[in-house]
Each structure stands twice: as structure tokens, then as C-alpha cells.
N, C-alpha and C. Protein backbone atom coordinates (compact mmCIF):
# COMPACT_ATOMS: atom_id res chain seq x y z
N MET A 1 -23.28 6.70 10.77
CA MET A 1 -23.34 6.78 12.23
C MET A 1 -24.80 6.62 12.67
N LEU A 2 -25.03 5.74 13.58
CA LEU A 2 -26.38 5.49 14.09
C LEU A 2 -26.71 6.45 15.23
N THR A 3 -27.98 6.79 15.31
CA THR A 3 -28.43 7.60 16.45
C THR A 3 -28.47 6.69 17.69
N GLU A 4 -28.66 7.29 18.83
CA GLU A 4 -28.77 6.53 20.07
C GLU A 4 -29.97 5.57 20.01
N HIS A 5 -31.08 6.04 19.47
CA HIS A 5 -32.28 5.21 19.34
C HIS A 5 -32.01 4.04 18.38
N GLU A 6 -31.36 4.30 17.25
CA GLU A 6 -31.05 3.24 16.29
C GLU A 6 -30.10 2.20 16.89
N THR A 7 -29.10 2.68 17.61
CA THR A 7 -28.16 1.77 18.27
C THR A 7 -28.89 0.87 19.25
N SER A 8 -29.78 1.45 20.03
CA SER A 8 -30.57 0.69 20.98
C SER A 8 -31.42 -0.35 20.26
N ARG A 9 -31.99 0.02 19.13
CA ARG A 9 -32.83 -0.90 18.37
C ARG A 9 -32.01 -2.05 17.78
N VAL A 10 -30.81 -1.76 17.29
CA VAL A 10 -29.93 -2.81 16.77
C VAL A 10 -29.58 -3.80 17.88
N ILE A 11 -29.25 -3.29 19.05
CA ILE A 11 -28.93 -4.16 20.19
C ILE A 11 -30.13 -5.03 20.55
N GLU A 12 -31.31 -4.44 20.57
CA GLU A 12 -32.53 -5.19 20.87
C GLU A 12 -32.75 -6.30 19.84
N MET A 13 -32.60 -5.97 18.57
CA MET A 13 -32.78 -6.96 17.50
C MET A 13 -31.72 -8.06 17.58
N ALA A 14 -30.50 -7.69 17.92
CA ALA A 14 -29.41 -8.67 18.01
C ALA A 14 -29.65 -9.66 19.15
N TRP A 15 -30.25 -9.20 20.24
CA TRP A 15 -30.54 -10.09 21.38
C TRP A 15 -31.72 -11.01 21.10
N GLU A 16 -32.63 -10.61 20.21
CA GLU A 16 -33.81 -11.41 19.92
C GLU A 16 -33.42 -12.69 19.19
N ASP A 17 -33.92 -13.81 19.66
CA ASP A 17 -33.57 -15.10 19.08
C ASP A 17 -34.03 -15.24 17.64
N ARG A 18 -35.18 -14.73 17.32
CA ARG A 18 -35.76 -14.98 16.00
C ARG A 18 -35.50 -13.89 14.97
N THR A 19 -34.73 -12.88 15.31
CA THR A 19 -34.41 -11.83 14.35
C THR A 19 -33.05 -12.14 13.73
N PRO A 20 -33.02 -12.49 12.43
CA PRO A 20 -31.75 -12.84 11.81
C PRO A 20 -30.88 -11.60 11.55
N PHE A 21 -29.59 -11.84 11.41
CA PHE A 21 -28.68 -10.74 11.10
C PHE A 21 -29.06 -10.07 9.79
N GLU A 22 -29.63 -10.82 8.87
CA GLU A 22 -30.05 -10.25 7.58
C GLU A 22 -31.13 -9.19 7.76
N ALA A 23 -32.01 -9.35 8.74
CA ALA A 23 -33.05 -8.35 9.01
C ALA A 23 -32.41 -7.06 9.54
N ILE A 24 -31.39 -7.21 10.37
CA ILE A 24 -30.67 -6.03 10.88
C ILE A 24 -29.97 -5.33 9.73
N GLU A 25 -29.36 -6.13 8.84
CA GLU A 25 -28.66 -5.54 7.70
C GLU A 25 -29.62 -4.79 6.77
N SER A 26 -30.78 -5.37 6.53
CA SER A 26 -31.73 -4.69 5.63
C SER A 26 -32.30 -3.42 6.27
N SER A 27 -32.43 -3.40 7.58
CA SER A 27 -32.98 -2.22 8.27
C SER A 27 -31.95 -1.14 8.53
N PHE A 28 -30.70 -1.55 8.84
CA PHE A 28 -29.70 -0.58 9.28
C PHE A 28 -28.40 -0.60 8.47
N GLN A 29 -28.35 -1.42 7.42
CA GLN A 29 -27.17 -1.54 6.57
C GLN A 29 -25.91 -1.91 7.37
N LEU A 30 -26.09 -2.78 8.36
CA LEU A 30 -24.97 -3.27 9.17
C LEU A 30 -24.81 -4.77 8.92
N SER A 31 -23.63 -5.17 8.49
CA SER A 31 -23.35 -6.59 8.29
C SER A 31 -23.29 -7.29 9.64
N GLU A 32 -23.26 -8.61 9.61
CA GLU A 32 -23.12 -9.36 10.87
C GLU A 32 -21.85 -8.94 11.61
N ALA A 33 -20.75 -8.78 10.88
CA ALA A 33 -19.49 -8.37 11.51
C ALA A 33 -19.63 -6.98 12.15
N ALA A 34 -20.35 -6.07 11.48
CA ALA A 34 -20.55 -4.73 12.04
C ALA A 34 -21.43 -4.79 13.29
N VAL A 35 -22.43 -5.67 13.30
CA VAL A 35 -23.27 -5.84 14.49
C VAL A 35 -22.43 -6.37 15.64
N ILE A 36 -21.56 -7.31 15.37
CA ILE A 36 -20.68 -7.86 16.41
C ILE A 36 -19.79 -6.76 16.97
N ARG A 37 -19.22 -5.92 16.10
CA ARG A 37 -18.38 -4.80 16.58
C ARG A 37 -19.19 -3.83 17.43
N LEU A 38 -20.42 -3.52 16.99
CA LEU A 38 -21.28 -2.62 17.75
C LEU A 38 -21.59 -3.21 19.13
N MET A 39 -21.93 -4.49 19.15
CA MET A 39 -22.25 -5.15 20.42
C MET A 39 -21.02 -5.16 21.35
N ARG A 40 -19.85 -5.42 20.79
CA ARG A 40 -18.63 -5.42 21.60
C ARG A 40 -18.38 -4.03 22.20
N ARG A 41 -18.64 -3.00 21.40
CA ARG A 41 -18.41 -1.62 21.85
C ARG A 41 -19.45 -1.16 22.87
N GLU A 42 -20.71 -1.56 22.70
CA GLU A 42 -21.80 -1.02 23.51
C GLU A 42 -22.12 -1.83 24.77
N LEU A 43 -21.80 -3.11 24.78
CA LEU A 43 -22.13 -3.95 25.93
C LEU A 43 -20.94 -4.08 26.88
N LYS A 44 -21.24 -4.40 28.12
CA LYS A 44 -20.19 -4.77 29.06
C LYS A 44 -19.55 -6.06 28.54
N ALA A 45 -18.30 -6.30 28.89
CA ALA A 45 -17.57 -7.47 28.38
C ALA A 45 -18.31 -8.77 28.70
N THR A 46 -18.82 -8.90 29.91
CA THR A 46 -19.54 -10.12 30.30
C THR A 46 -20.80 -10.29 29.47
N SER A 47 -21.53 -9.22 29.28
CA SER A 47 -22.76 -9.27 28.48
C SER A 47 -22.45 -9.63 27.03
N PHE A 48 -21.37 -9.08 26.50
CA PHE A 48 -20.98 -9.39 25.12
C PHE A 48 -20.65 -10.88 24.99
N ARG A 49 -19.88 -11.42 25.93
CA ARG A 49 -19.54 -12.85 25.87
C ARG A 49 -20.79 -13.73 25.96
N LEU A 50 -21.73 -13.37 26.82
CA LEU A 50 -22.99 -14.12 26.92
C LEU A 50 -23.77 -14.06 25.61
N TRP A 51 -23.81 -12.88 25.01
CA TRP A 51 -24.53 -12.73 23.74
C TRP A 51 -23.87 -13.56 22.64
N ARG A 52 -22.55 -13.51 22.55
CA ARG A 52 -21.84 -14.27 21.51
C ARG A 52 -22.08 -15.77 21.68
N LYS A 53 -22.03 -16.22 22.92
CA LYS A 53 -22.28 -17.63 23.19
C LYS A 53 -23.70 -18.00 22.78
N ARG A 54 -24.64 -17.10 23.03
CA ARG A 54 -26.05 -17.34 22.74
C ARG A 54 -26.32 -17.42 21.24
N VAL A 55 -25.71 -16.55 20.45
CA VAL A 55 -26.03 -16.50 19.02
C VAL A 55 -25.15 -17.39 18.15
N ALA A 56 -24.04 -17.86 18.70
CA ALA A 56 -23.12 -18.68 17.90
C ALA A 56 -23.82 -19.93 17.38
N GLY A 57 -23.92 -20.04 16.08
CA GLY A 57 -24.52 -21.22 15.46
C GLY A 57 -26.02 -21.32 15.56
N ARG A 58 -26.68 -20.33 16.13
CA ARG A 58 -28.14 -20.37 16.28
C ARG A 58 -28.79 -20.23 14.90
N LYS A 59 -29.57 -21.21 14.53
CA LYS A 59 -30.17 -21.23 13.20
C LYS A 59 -31.06 -20.03 12.94
N THR A 60 -31.75 -19.55 13.95
CA THR A 60 -32.69 -18.45 13.73
C THR A 60 -31.98 -17.11 13.53
N LYS A 61 -30.70 -17.01 13.84
CA LYS A 61 -29.97 -15.76 13.67
C LYS A 61 -29.33 -15.65 12.29
N HIS A 62 -29.37 -16.71 11.51
CA HIS A 62 -28.76 -16.71 10.19
C HIS A 62 -29.77 -17.18 9.16
N GLY A 63 -30.13 -16.30 8.24
CA GLY A 63 -31.15 -16.59 7.26
C GLY A 63 -30.89 -17.85 6.46
N ALA A 64 -29.63 -18.11 6.13
CA ALA A 64 -29.29 -19.29 5.32
C ALA A 64 -29.56 -20.59 6.07
N LEU A 65 -29.56 -20.55 7.39
CA LEU A 65 -29.77 -21.75 8.20
C LEU A 65 -31.24 -21.95 8.59
N ARG A 66 -32.06 -20.93 8.34
CA ARG A 66 -33.47 -20.99 8.72
C ARG A 66 -34.26 -21.92 7.83
N SER A 67 -35.36 -22.37 8.35
CA SER A 67 -36.30 -23.17 7.56
C SER A 67 -36.86 -22.28 6.45
N PRO A 68 -37.03 -22.81 5.25
CA PRO A 68 -37.61 -22.01 4.16
C PRO A 68 -39.07 -21.62 4.43
N ASP A 69 -39.68 -22.23 5.43
CA ASP A 69 -41.06 -21.90 5.79
C ASP A 69 -41.17 -20.55 6.49
N VAL A 70 -40.04 -20.05 7.04
CA VAL A 70 -40.04 -18.77 7.75
C VAL A 70 -39.74 -17.68 6.73
N LEU A 71 -40.71 -16.84 6.46
CA LEU A 71 -40.57 -15.83 5.42
C LEU A 71 -40.32 -14.42 5.95
N ARG A 72 -40.30 -14.24 7.26
CA ARG A 72 -40.10 -12.92 7.83
C ARG A 72 -39.00 -12.97 8.87
N GLY A 73 -38.41 -11.80 9.15
CA GLY A 73 -37.34 -11.73 10.13
C GLY A 73 -37.84 -11.43 11.53
N TYR A 74 -39.02 -10.84 11.62
CA TYR A 74 -39.53 -10.48 12.94
C TYR A 74 -41.03 -10.27 12.85
N CYS A 75 -41.64 -10.21 13.99
CA CYS A 75 -43.08 -9.95 14.08
C CYS A 75 -43.27 -8.47 14.42
N LYS A 76 -43.93 -7.72 13.56
CA LYS A 76 -44.09 -6.28 13.75
C LYS A 76 -44.85 -5.92 15.02
N THR A 77 -45.70 -6.83 15.49
CA THR A 77 -46.51 -6.50 16.66
C THR A 77 -45.77 -6.70 17.98
N GLN A 78 -44.58 -7.29 17.95
CA GLN A 78 -43.87 -7.54 19.21
C GLN A 78 -43.06 -6.35 19.70
N TYR A 79 -42.92 -5.32 18.91
CA TYR A 79 -42.06 -4.20 19.28
C TYR A 79 -42.82 -3.08 19.96
N LYS A 80 -42.08 -2.39 20.81
CA LYS A 80 -42.63 -1.23 21.50
C LYS A 80 -42.71 -0.06 20.51
N HIS A 81 -43.73 0.71 20.61
CA HIS A 81 -43.89 1.87 19.73
C HIS A 81 -43.72 3.13 20.57
N ARG A 82 -43.07 4.11 19.97
CA ARG A 82 -42.87 5.39 20.66
C ARG A 82 -43.87 6.39 20.20
């Protein structure tokens, strides 16, 4: 079970174009299917549909489709710190 803060972070990572599902899985042990279920549960229906349309087939969201030149899932300096 994720905390409220962790859930918020997963949602933030899922919305980010350049953060692959594999980075979410390594950080939170959630598969792509689990992230989709979380997003469906936590977002409004319209927001969920927009998100699904946005990430469907997006190369940057799937590590296997990414360029081998990209060695990281995210930039550590782009996140807000508490």
C-alpha cells in the first residue's frame, strides 16, 4: 500500500513524458498495469482518458522503445524537494 505522498509521486511520474514505466517500477515496485490501475482509481475519468491517450505508444514511456543513448529514467534536478 502506497502512502498519499508516494501515490502523488507515482501520478507525477506517470504524467511526465520522459519518465518510463520501468523507472516507476524500480522506485515503487508497480508494473505498468498497476500504474494504469492506480491512475484509473485516482484520476477523474476525463483526466484518465487524456493520460491514456497521451502515453499510448509514446516511446519515452517504455524503456524498450527508447533510444539506447538514454541511460536514465529522469533528471534528479527537475523534482521538487520537501
